Amino acid sequence: MSIVKVFMDGKTFEMEVDKDTTILEKAMDEDIDIPFSCQSGICTSCIGKLVEGDVEMEVNDGLSDDEIKDGYVLCCQSFPRSEKIIIEID
């Protein structure tokens, strides 16, 4: 289980996410309104900056190599892989 903090719209949201659930799926379960559209890793509506921790993305086709290198992730494809994760969403 990971503790995931999401900073979005001047607010901080915290949730426990298991390793088999995406950050977006858990946010939806918790009524946290992370923007999304396709949920398949293409549209990039759910992009966020990974500030701390590790995630594994199944699909990251919507991100450029530079975005990945700079720490951007797609919440719809991000499975937690560390105890603590912090993501900023603009």
PDB file of N, CA and C in Angstrom:
ATOM      1  N   MET A   1       0.840  -1.178   0.000  1.00  0.00           N
ATOM      2  CA  MET A   1       0.000   0.000   0.000  1.00  0.00           C
ATOM      3  C   MET A   1       0.885   1.241   0.000  1.00  0.00           C
ATOM      4  N   SER A   2       0.506   2.227  -0.795  1.00  0.00           N
ATOM      5  CA  SER A   2       1.256   3.478  -0.898  1.00  0.00           C
ATOM      6  C   SER A   2       0.386   4.637  -0.430  1.00  0.00           C
ATOM      7  N   ILE A   3       1.028   5.615   0.164  1.00  0.00           N
ATOM      8  CA  ILE A   3       0.361   6.873   0.484  1.00  0.00           C
ATOM      9  C   ILE A   3       0.646   7.814  -0.684  1.00  0.00           C
ATOM     10  N   VAL A   4      -0.423   8.251  -1.353  1.00  0.00           N
ATOM     11  CA  VAL A   4      -0.288   9.131  -2.508  1.00  0.00           C
ATOM     12  C   VAL A   4      -0.882  10.486  -2.159  1.00  0.00           C
ATOM     13  N   LYS A   5      -0.068  11.532  -2.298  1.00  0.00           N
ATOM     14  CA  LYS A   5      -0.542  12.899  -2.120  1.00  0.00           C
ATOM     15  C   LYS A   5      -0.613  13.553  -3.487  1.00  0.00           C
ATOM     16  N   VAL A   6      -1.732  14.180  -3.755  1.00  0.00           N
ATOM     17  CA  VAL A   6      -1.934  14.888  -5.012  1.00  0.00           C
ATOM     18  C   VAL A   6      -2.172  16.352  -4.681  1.00  0.00           C
ATOM     19  N   PHE A   7      -1.338  17.227  -5.239  1.00  0.00           N
ATOM     20  CA  PHE A   7      -1.515  18.671  -5.108  1.00  0.00           C
ATOM     21  C   PHE A   7      -2.197  19.163  -6.378  1.00  0.00           C
ATOM     22  N   MET A   8      -3.387  19.759  -6.218  1.00  0.00           N
ATOM     23  CA  MET A   8      -4.164  20.179  -7.382  1.00  0.00           C
ATOM     24  C   MET A   8      -5.106  21.308  -6.971  1.00  0.00           C
ATOM     25  N   ASP A   9      -5.157  22.350  -7.778  1.00  0.00           N
ATOM     26  CA  ASP A   9      -6.063  23.478  -7.548  1.00  0.00           C
ATOM     27  C   ASP A   9      -5.905  24.081  -6.151  1.00  0.00           C
ATOM     28  N   GLY A  10      -4.667  24.147  -5.655  1.00  0.00           N
ATOM     29  CA  GLY A  10      -4.399  24.746  -4.349  1.00  0.00           C
ATOM     30  C   GLY A  10      -4.798  23.866  -3.177  1.00  0.00           C
ATOM     31  N   LYS A  11      -5.162  22.626  -3.442  1.00  0.00           N
ATOM     32  CA  LYS A  11      -5.562  21.703  -2.382  1.00  0.00           C
ATOM     33  C   LYS A  11      -4.643  20.492  -2.387  1.00  0.00           C
ATOM     34  N   THR A  12      -4.600  19.814  -1.245  1.00  0.00           N
ATOM     35  CA  THR A  12      -3.841  18.585  -1.115  1.00  0.00           C
ATOM     36  C   THR A  12      -4.813  17.443  -0.830  1.00  0.00           C
ATOM     37  N   PHE A  13      -4.703  16.388  -1.595  1.00  0.00           N
ATOM     38  CA  PHE A  13      -5.525  15.197  -1.406  1.00  0.00           C
ATOM     39  C   PHE A  13      -4.586  14.048  -1.061  1.00  0.00           C
ATOM     40  N   GLU A  14      -4.983  13.231  -0.098  1.00  0.00           N
ATOM     41  CA  GLU A  14      -4.163  12.089   0.303  1.00  0.00           C
ATOM     42  C   GLU A  14      -5.012  10.828   0.262  1.00  0.00           C
ATOM     43  N   MET A  15      -4.433   9.765  -0.272  1.00  0.00           N
ATOM     44  CA  MET A  15      -5.164   8.502  -0.368  1.00  0.00           C
ATOM     45  C   MET A  15      -4.195   7.331  -0.296  1.00  0.00           C
ATOM     46  N   GLU A  16      -4.698   6.186   0.134  1.00  0.00           N
ATOM     47  CA  GLU A  16      -3.927   4.951   0.127  1.00  0.00           C
ATOM     48  C   GLU A  16      -4.262   4.204  -1.151  1.00  0.00           C
ATOM     49  N   VAL A  17      -3.232   3.824  -1.894  1.00  0.00           N
ATOM     50  CA  VAL A  17      -3.431   3.161  -3.186  1.00  0.00           C
ATOM     51  C   VAL A  17      -2.635   1.858  -3.188  1.00  0.00           C
ATOM     52  N   ASP A  18      -3.307   0.751  -3.542  1.00  0.00           N
ATOM     53  CA  ASP A  18      -2.573  -0.514  -3.614  1.00  0.00           C
ATOM     54  C   ASP A  18      -1.846  -0.628  -4.954  1.00  0.00           C
ATOM     55  N   LYS A  19      -0.942  -1.569  -5.044  1.00  0.00           N
ATOM     56  CA  LYS A  19      -0.045  -1.674  -6.207  1.00  0.00           C
ATOM     57  C   LYS A  19      -0.754  -2.077  -7.495  1.00  0.00           C
ATOM     58  N   ASP A  20      -1.983  -2.576  -7.393  1.00  0.00           N
ATOM     59  CA  ASP A  20      -2.724  -3.022  -8.575  1.00  0.00           C
ATOM     60  C   ASP A  20      -3.796  -2.039  -9.027  1.00  0.00           C
ATOM     61  N   THR A  21      -3.807  -0.839  -8.439  1.00  0.00           N
ATOM     62  CA  THR A  21      -4.796   0.186  -8.754  1.00  0.00           C
ATOM     63  C   THR A  21      -4.075   1.428  -9.254  1.00  0.00           C
ATOM     64  N   THR A  22      -4.573   2.019 -10.335  1.00  0.00           N
ATOM     65  CA  THR A  22      -3.934   3.255 -10.803  1.00  0.00           C
ATOM     66  C   THR A  22      -4.311   4.405  -9.887  1.00  0.00           C
ATOM     67  N   ILE A  23      -3.498   5.425  -9.928  1.00  0.00           N
ATOM     68  CA  ILE A  23      -3.759   6.615  -9.119  1.00  0.00           C
ATOM     69  C   ILE A  23      -5.082   7.251  -9.533  1.00  0.00           C
ATOM     70  N   LEU A  24      -5.375   7.281 -10.823  1.00  0.00           N
ATOM     71  CA  LEU A  24      -6.651   7.841 -11.276  1.00  0.00           C
ATOM     72  C   LEU A  24      -7.836   7.011 -10.782  1.00  0.00           C
ATOM     73  N   GLU A  25      -7.743   5.681 -10.865  1.00  0.00           N
ATOM     74  CA  GLU A  25      -8.839   4.828 -10.390  1.00  0.00           C
ATOM     75  C   GLU A  25      -9.159   5.105  -8.926  1.00  0.00           C
ATOM     76  N   LYS A  26      -8.123   5.179  -8.097  1.00  0.00           N
ATOM     77  CA  LYS A  26      -8.338   5.429  -6.665  1.00  0.00           C
ATOM     78  C   LYS A  26      -8.885   6.831  -6.437  1.00  0.00           C
ATOM     79  N   ALA A  27      -8.380   7.802  -7.177  1.00  0.00           N
ATOM     80  CA  ALA A  27      -8.885   9.171  -7.044  1.00  0.00           C
ATOM     81  C   ALA A  27     -10.374   9.222  -7.377  1.00  0.00           C
ATOM     82  N   MET A  28     -10.785   8.525  -8.418  1.00  0.00           N
ATOM     83  CA  MET A  28     -12.198   8.485  -8.780  1.00  0.00           C
ATOM     84  C   MET A  28     -13.022   7.845  -7.660  1.00  0.00           C
ATOM     85  N   ASP A  29     -12.499   6.772  -7.052  1.00  0.00           N
ATOM     86  CA  ASP A  29     -13.182   6.123  -5.929  1.00  0.00           C
ATOM     87  C   ASP A  29     -13.334   7.070  -4.741  1.00  0.00           C
ATOM     88  N   GLU A  30     -12.361   7.972  -4.578  1.00  0.00           N
ATOM     89  CA  GLU A  30     -12.350   8.909  -3.450  1.00  0.00           C
ATOM     90  C   GLU A  30     -13.020  10.246  -3.788  1.00  0.00           C
ATOM     91  N   ASP A  31     -13.636  10.337  -4.960  1.00  0.00           N
ATOM     92  CA  ASP A  31     -14.272  11.581  -5.435  1.00  0.00           C
ATOM     93  C   ASP A  31     -13.292  12.745  -5.538  1.00  0.00           C
ATOM     94  N   ILE A  32     -12.053  12.433  -5.928  1.00  0.00           N
ATOM     95  CA  ILE A  32     -11.044  13.456  -6.203  1.00  0.00           C
ATOM     96  C   ILE A  32     -11.079  13.679  -7.708  1.00  0.00           C
ATOM     97  N   ASP A  33     -11.310  14.913  -8.102  1.00  0.00           N
ATOM     98  CA  ASP A  33     -11.625  15.238  -9.495  1.00  0.00           C
ATOM     99  C   ASP A  33     -10.380  15.501 -10.344  1.00  0.00           C
ATOM    100  N   ILE A  34      -9.512  14.476 -10.476  1.00  0.00           N
ATOM    101  CA  ILE A  34      -8.366  14.591 -11.380  1.00  0.00           C
ATOM    102  C   ILE A  34      -8.911  14.620 -12.812  1.00  0.00           C
ATOM    103  N   PRO A  35      -8.458  15.570 -13.626  1.00  0.00           N
ATOM    104  CA  PRO A  35      -8.949  15.609 -15.004  1.00  0.00           C
ATOM    105  C   PRO A  35      -8.538  14.354 -15.766  1.00  0.00           C
ATOM    106  N   PHE A  36      -9.433  13.854 -16.597  1.00  0.00           N
ATOM    107  CA  PHE A  36      -9.119  12.699 -17.429  1.00  0.00           C
ATOM    108  C   PHE A  36     -10.082  12.664 -18.604  1.00  0.00           C
ATOM    109  N   SER A  37      -9.745  11.867 -19.591  1.00  0.00           N
ATOM    110  CA  SER A  37     -10.620  11.672 -20.740  1.00  0.00           C
ATOM    111  C   SER A  37     -10.579  10.220 -21.169  1.00  0.00           C
ATOM    112  N   CYS A  38      -9.516   9.818 -21.855  1.00  0.00           N
ATOM    113  CA  CYS A  38      -9.505   8.503 -22.513  1.00  0.00           C
ATOM    114  C   CYS A  38      -9.227   7.332 -21.577  1.00  0.00           C
ATOM    115  N   GLN A  39      -8.503   7.537 -20.499  1.00  0.00           N
ATOM    116  CA  GLN A  39      -8.072   6.500 -19.554  1.00  0.00           C
ATOM    117  C   GLN A  39      -7.209   5.410 -20.191  1.00  0.00           C
ATOM    118  N   SER A  40      -6.633   5.707 -21.345  1.00  0.00           N
ATOM    119  CA  SER A  40      -5.789   4.699 -21.999  1.00  0.00           C
ATOM    120  C   SER A  40      -4.366   5.191 -22.261  1.00  0.00           C
ATOM    121  N   GLY A  41      -3.994   6.343 -21.716  1.00  0.00           N
ATOM    122  CA  GLY A  41      -2.627   6.822 -21.828  1.00  0.00           C
ATOM    123  C   GLY A  41      -2.307   7.590 -23.095  1.00  0.00           C
ATOM    124  N   ILE A  42      -3.326   8.033 -23.812  1.00  0.00           N
ATOM    125  CA  ILE A  42      -3.110   8.717 -25.088  1.00  0.00           C
ATOM    126  C   ILE A  42      -3.374  10.225 -25.003  1.00  0.00           C
ATOM    127  N   CYS A  43      -4.447  10.624 -24.341  1.00  0.00           N
ATOM    128  CA  CYS A  43      -4.903  12.027 -24.408  1.00  0.00           C
ATOM    129  C   CYS A  43      -4.093  12.989 -23.537  1.00  0.00           C
ATOM    130  N   THR A  44      -3.436  12.520 -22.517  1.00  0.00           N
ATOM    131  CA  THR A  44      -2.628  13.284 -21.549  1.00  0.00           C
ATOM    132  C   THR A  44      -3.442  14.242 -20.680  1.00  0.00           C
ATOM    133  N   SER A  45      -4.742  14.096 -20.606  1.00  0.00           N
ATOM    134  CA  SER A  45      -5.558  14.961 -19.735  1.00  0.00           C
ATOM    135  C   SER A  45      -5.185  14.801 -18.267  1.00  0.00           C
ATOM    136  N   CYS A  46      -4.717  13.615 -17.883  1.00  0.00           N
ATOM    137  CA  CYS A  46      -4.424  13.319 -16.477  1.00  0.00           C
ATOM    138  C   CYS A  46      -2.940  13.463 -16.143  1.00  0.00           C
ATOM    139  N   ILE A  47      -2.214  14.232 -16.922  1.00  0.00           N
ATOM    140  CA  ILE A  47      -0.764  14.390 -16.707  1.00  0.00           C
ATOM    141  C   ILE A  47      -0.492  15.091 -15.381  1.00  0.00           C
ATOM    142  N   GLY A  48       0.539  14.628 -14.712  1.00  0.00           N
ATOM    143  CA  GLY A  48       0.988  15.253 -13.471  1.00  0.00           C
ATOM    144  C   GLY A  48       2.491  15.122 -13.355  1.00  0.00           C
ATOM    145  N   LYS A  49       3.062  15.935 -12.490  1.00  0.00           N
ATOM    146  CA  LYS A  49       4.511  15.896 -12.261  1.00  0.00           C
ATOM    147  C   LYS A  49       4.776  15.057 -11.014  1.00  0.00           C
ATOM    148  N   LEU A  50       5.545  13.998 -11.185  1.00  0.00           N
ATOM    149  CA  LEU A  50       5.930  13.146 -10.073  1.00  0.00           C
ATOM    150  C   LEU A  50       7.047  13.846  -9.305  1.00  0.00           C
ATOM    151  N   VAL A  51       6.718  14.329  -8.108  1.00  0.00           N
ATOM    152  CA  VAL A  51       7.660  15.089  -7.294  1.00  0.00           C
ATOM    153  C   VAL A  51       8.469  14.167  -6.388  1.00  0.00           C
ATOM    154  N   GLU A  52       7.820  13.097  -5.937  1.00  0.00           N
ATOM    155  CA  GLU A  52       8.490  12.153  -5.041  1.00  0.00           C
ATOM    156  C   GLU A  52       7.907  10.764  -5.255  1.00  0.00           C
ATOM    157  N   GLY A  53       8.758   9.756  -5.163  1.00  0.00           N
ATOM    158  CA  GLY A  53       8.315   8.375  -5.254  1.00  0.00           C
ATOM    159  C   GLY A  53       8.479   7.788  -6.640  1.00  0.00           C
ATOM    160  N   ASP A  54       7.958   6.568  -6.783  1.00  0.00           N
ATOM    161  CA  ASP A  54       8.069   5.835  -8.041  1.00  0.00           C
ATOM    162  C   ASP A  54       6.712   5.276  -8.440  1.00  0.00           C
ATOM    163  N   VAL A  55       6.434   5.339  -9.734  1.00  0.00           N
ATOM    164  CA  VAL A  55       5.247   4.705 -10.299  1.00  0.00           C
ATOM    165  C   VAL A  55       5.675   3.904 -11.518  1.00  0.00           C
ATOM    166  N   GLU A  56       4.836   2.968 -11.899  1.00  0.00           N
ATOM    167  CA  GLU A  56       5.049   2.213 -13.128  1.00  0.00           C
ATOM    168  C   GLU A  56       3.875   2.512 -14.050  1.00  0.00           C
ATOM    169  N   MET A  57       4.188   2.984 -15.264  1.00  0.00           N
ATOM    170  CA  MET A  57       3.139   3.270 -16.240  1.00  0.00           C
ATOM    171  C   MET A  57       3.061   2.130 -17.240  1.00  0.00           C
ATOM    172  N   GLU A  58       1.859   1.598 -17.435  1.00  0.00           N
ATOM    173  CA  GLU A  58       1.677   0.550 -18.442  1.00  0.00           C
ATOM    174  C   GLU A  58       1.814   1.124 -19.846  1.00  0.00           C
ATOM    175  N   VAL A  59       1.231   2.308 -20.058  1.00  0.00           N
ATOM    176  CA  VAL A  59       1.275   2.974 -21.361  1.00  0.00           C
ATOM    177  C   VAL A  59       1.673   4.424 -21.118  1.00  0.00           C
ATOM    178  N   ASN A  60       2.592   4.926 -21.913  1.00  0.00           N
ATOM    179  CA  ASN A  60       2.966   6.338 -21.795  1.00  0.00           C
ATOM    180  C   ASN A  60       3.133   6.962 -23.179  1.00  0.00           C
ATOM    181  N   ASP A  61       2.386   6.441 -24.149  1.00  0.00           N
ATOM    182  CA  ASP A  61       2.503   6.908 -25.535  1.00  0.00           C
ATOM    183  C   ASP A  61       2.208   8.395 -25.704  1.00  0.00           C
ATOM    184  N   GLY A  62       1.382   8.956 -24.824  1.00  0.00           N
ATOM    185  CA  GLY A  62       1.029  10.364 -24.942  1.00  0.00           C
ATOM    186  C   GLY A  62       2.114  11.310 -24.467  1.00  0.00           C
ATOM    187  N   LEU A  63       3.135  10.797 -23.818  1.00  0.00           N
ATOM    188  CA  LEU A  63       4.214  11.629 -23.284  1.00  0.00           C
ATOM    189  C   LEU A  63       5.439  11.582 -24.183  1.00  0.00           C
ATOM    190  N   SER A  64       6.101  12.714 -24.302  1.00  0.00           N
ATOM    191  CA  SER A  64       7.370  12.741 -25.039  1.00  0.00           C
ATOM    192  C   SER A  64       8.480  12.191 -24.143  1.00  0.00           C
ATOM    193  N   ASP A  65       9.597  11.845 -24.731  1.00  0.00           N
ATOM    194  CA  ASP A  65      10.753  11.370 -23.960  1.00  0.00           C
ATOM    195  C   ASP A  65      11.203  12.432 -22.965  1.00  0.00           C
ATOM    196  N   ASP A  66      11.169  13.714 -23.370  1.00  0.00           N
ATOM    197  CA  ASP A  66      11.566  14.804 -22.475  1.00  0.00           C
ATOM    198  C   ASP A  66      10.612  14.923 -21.289  1.00  0.00           C
ATOM    199  N   GLU A  67       9.313  14.767 -21.528  1.00  0.00           N
ATOM    200  CA  GLU A  67       8.343  14.831 -20.428  1.00  0.00           C
ATOM    201  C   GLU A  67       8.588  13.702 -19.428  1.00  0.00           C
ATOM    202  N   ILE A  68       8.844  12.519 -19.926  1.00  0.00           N
ATOM    203  CA  ILE A  68       9.129  11.380 -19.045  1.00  0.00           C
ATOM    204  C   ILE A  68      10.400  11.646 -18.247  1.00  0.00           C
ATOM    205  N   LYS A  69      11.441  12.139 -18.931  1.00  0.00           N
ATOM    206  CA  LYS A  69      12.708  12.454 -18.270  1.00  0.00           C
ATOM    207  C   LYS A  69      12.517  13.524 -17.197  1.00  0.00           C
ATOM    208  N   ASP A  70      11.604  14.475 -17.445  1.00  0.00           N
ATOM    209  CA  ASP A  70      11.343  15.562 -16.496  1.00  0.00           C
ATOM    210  C   ASP A  70      10.403  15.148 -15.365  1.00  0.00           C
ATOM    211  N   GLY A  71       9.943  13.896 -15.361  1.00  0.00           N
ATOM    212  CA  GLY A  71       9.158  13.390 -14.246  1.00  0.00           C
ATOM    213  C   GLY A  71       7.653  13.427 -14.423  1.00  0.00           C
ATOM    214  N   TYR A  72       7.191  13.654 -15.638  1.00  0.00           N
ATOM    215  CA  TYR A  72       5.742  13.683 -15.843  1.00  0.00           C
ATOM    216  C   TYR A  72       5.203  12.274 -15.994  1.00  0.00           C
ATOM    217  N   VAL A  73       3.993  12.070 -15.440  1.00  0.00           N
ATOM    218  CA  VAL A  73       3.334  10.765 -15.486  1.00  0.00           C
ATOM    219  C   VAL A  73       1.879  10.955 -15.884  1.00  0.00           C
ATOM    220  N   LEU A  74       1.277   9.882 -16.339  1.00  0.00           N
ATOM    221  CA  LEU A  74      -0.153   9.862 -16.629  1.00  0.00           C
ATOM    222  C   LEU A  74      -0.832   9.118 -15.480  1.00  0.00           C
ATOM    223  N   CYS A  75      -1.699   9.805 -14.756  1.00  0.00           N
ATOM    224  CA  CYS A  75      -2.325   9.201 -13.572  1.00  0.00           C
ATOM    225  C   CYS A  75      -3.165   7.980 -13.927  1.00  0.00           C
ATOM    226  N   CYS A  76      -3.718   7.946 -15.142  1.00  0.00           N
ATOM    227  CA  CYS A  76      -4.551   6.807 -15.546  1.00  0.00           C
ATOM    228  C   CYS A  76      -3.744   5.543 -15.786  1.00  0.00           C
ATOM    229  N   GLN A  77      -2.441   5.682 -15.918  1.00  0.00           N
ATOM    230  CA  GLN A  77      -1.563   4.546 -16.201  1.00  0.00           C
ATOM    231  C   GLN A  77      -0.548   4.305 -15.098  1.00  0.00           C
ATOM    232  N   SER A  78      -0.610   5.090 -14.027  1.00  0.00           N
ATOM    233  CA  SER A  78       0.425   5.050 -12.989  1.00  0.00           C
ATOM    234  C   SER A  78       0.023   4.174 -11.814  1.00  0.00           C
ATOM    235  N   PHE A  79       0.795   3.094 -11.630  1.00  0.00           N
ATOM    236  CA  PHE A  79       0.619   2.194 -10.498  1.00  0.00           C
ATOM    237  C   PHE A  79       1.708   2.508  -9.477  1.00  0.00           C
ATOM    238  N   PRO A  80       1.357   2.656  -8.200  1.00  0.00           N
ATOM    239  CA  PRO A  80       2.356   3.007  -7.182  1.00  0.00           C
ATOM    240  C   PRO A  80       3.407   1.921  -7.013  1.00  0.00           C
ATOM    241  N   ARG A  81       4.661   2.354  -6.878  1.00  0.00           N
ATOM    242  CA  ARG A  81       5.762   1.417  -6.676  1.00  0.00           C
ATOM    243  C   ARG A  81       6.686   1.857  -5.543  1.00  0.00           C
ATOM    244  N   SER A  82       6.240   2.812  -4.727  1.00  0.00           N
ATOM    245  CA  SER A  82       6.991   3.214  -3.536  1.00  0.00           C
ATOM    246  C   SER A  82       5.984   3.524  -2.429  1.00  0.00           C
ATOM    247  N   GLU A  83       6.473   3.594  -1.190  1.00  0.00           N
ATOM    248  CA  GLU A  83       5.585   3.808  -0.049  1.00  0.00           C
ATOM    249  C   GLU A  83       4.927   5.186  -0.070  1.00  0.00           C
ATOM    250  N   LYS A  84       5.657   6.183  -0.561  1.00  0.00           N
ATOM    251  CA  LYS A  84       5.151   7.556  -0.575  1.00  0.00           C
ATOM    252  C   LYS A  84       5.295   8.118  -1.985  1.00  0.00           C
ATOM    253  N   ILE A  85       4.227   8.739  -2.464  1.00  0.00           N
ATOM    254  CA  ILE A  85       4.224   9.333  -3.796  1.00  0.00           C
ATOM    255  C   ILE A  85       3.594  10.715  -3.700  1.00  0.00           C
ATOM    256  N   ILE A  86       4.221  11.680  -4.345  1.00  0.00           N
ATOM    257  CA  ILE A  86       3.658  13.038  -4.422  1.00  0.00           C
ATOM    258  C   ILE A  86       3.581  13.429  -5.889  1.00  0.00           C
ATOM    259  N   ILE A  87       2.389  13.889  -6.288  1.00  0.00           N
ATOM    260  CA  ILE A  87       2.151  14.309  -7.668  1.00  0.00           C
ATOM    261  C   ILE A  87       1.515  15.696  -7.667  1.00  0.00           C
ATOM    262  N   GLU A  88       2.028  16.572  -8.519  1.00  0.00           N
ATOM    263  CA  GLU A  88       1.441  17.897  -8.722  1.00  0.00           C
ATOM    264  C   GLU A  88       0.713  17.912 -10.055  1.00  0.00           C
ATOM    265  N   ILE A  89      -0.538  18.370 -10.023  1.00  0.00           N
ATOM    266  CA  ILE A  89      -1.333  18.471 -11.239  1.00  0.00           C
ATOM    267  C   ILE A  89      -1.702  19.938 -11.429  1.00  0.00           C
ATOM    268  N   ASP A  90      -1.353  20.495 -12.605  1.00  0.00           N
ATOM    269  CA  ASP A  90      -1.675  21.902 -12.891  1.00  0.00           C
ATOM    270  C   ASP A  90      -3.089  22.052 -13.384  1.00  0.00           C
TER     271      ASP A  90
END
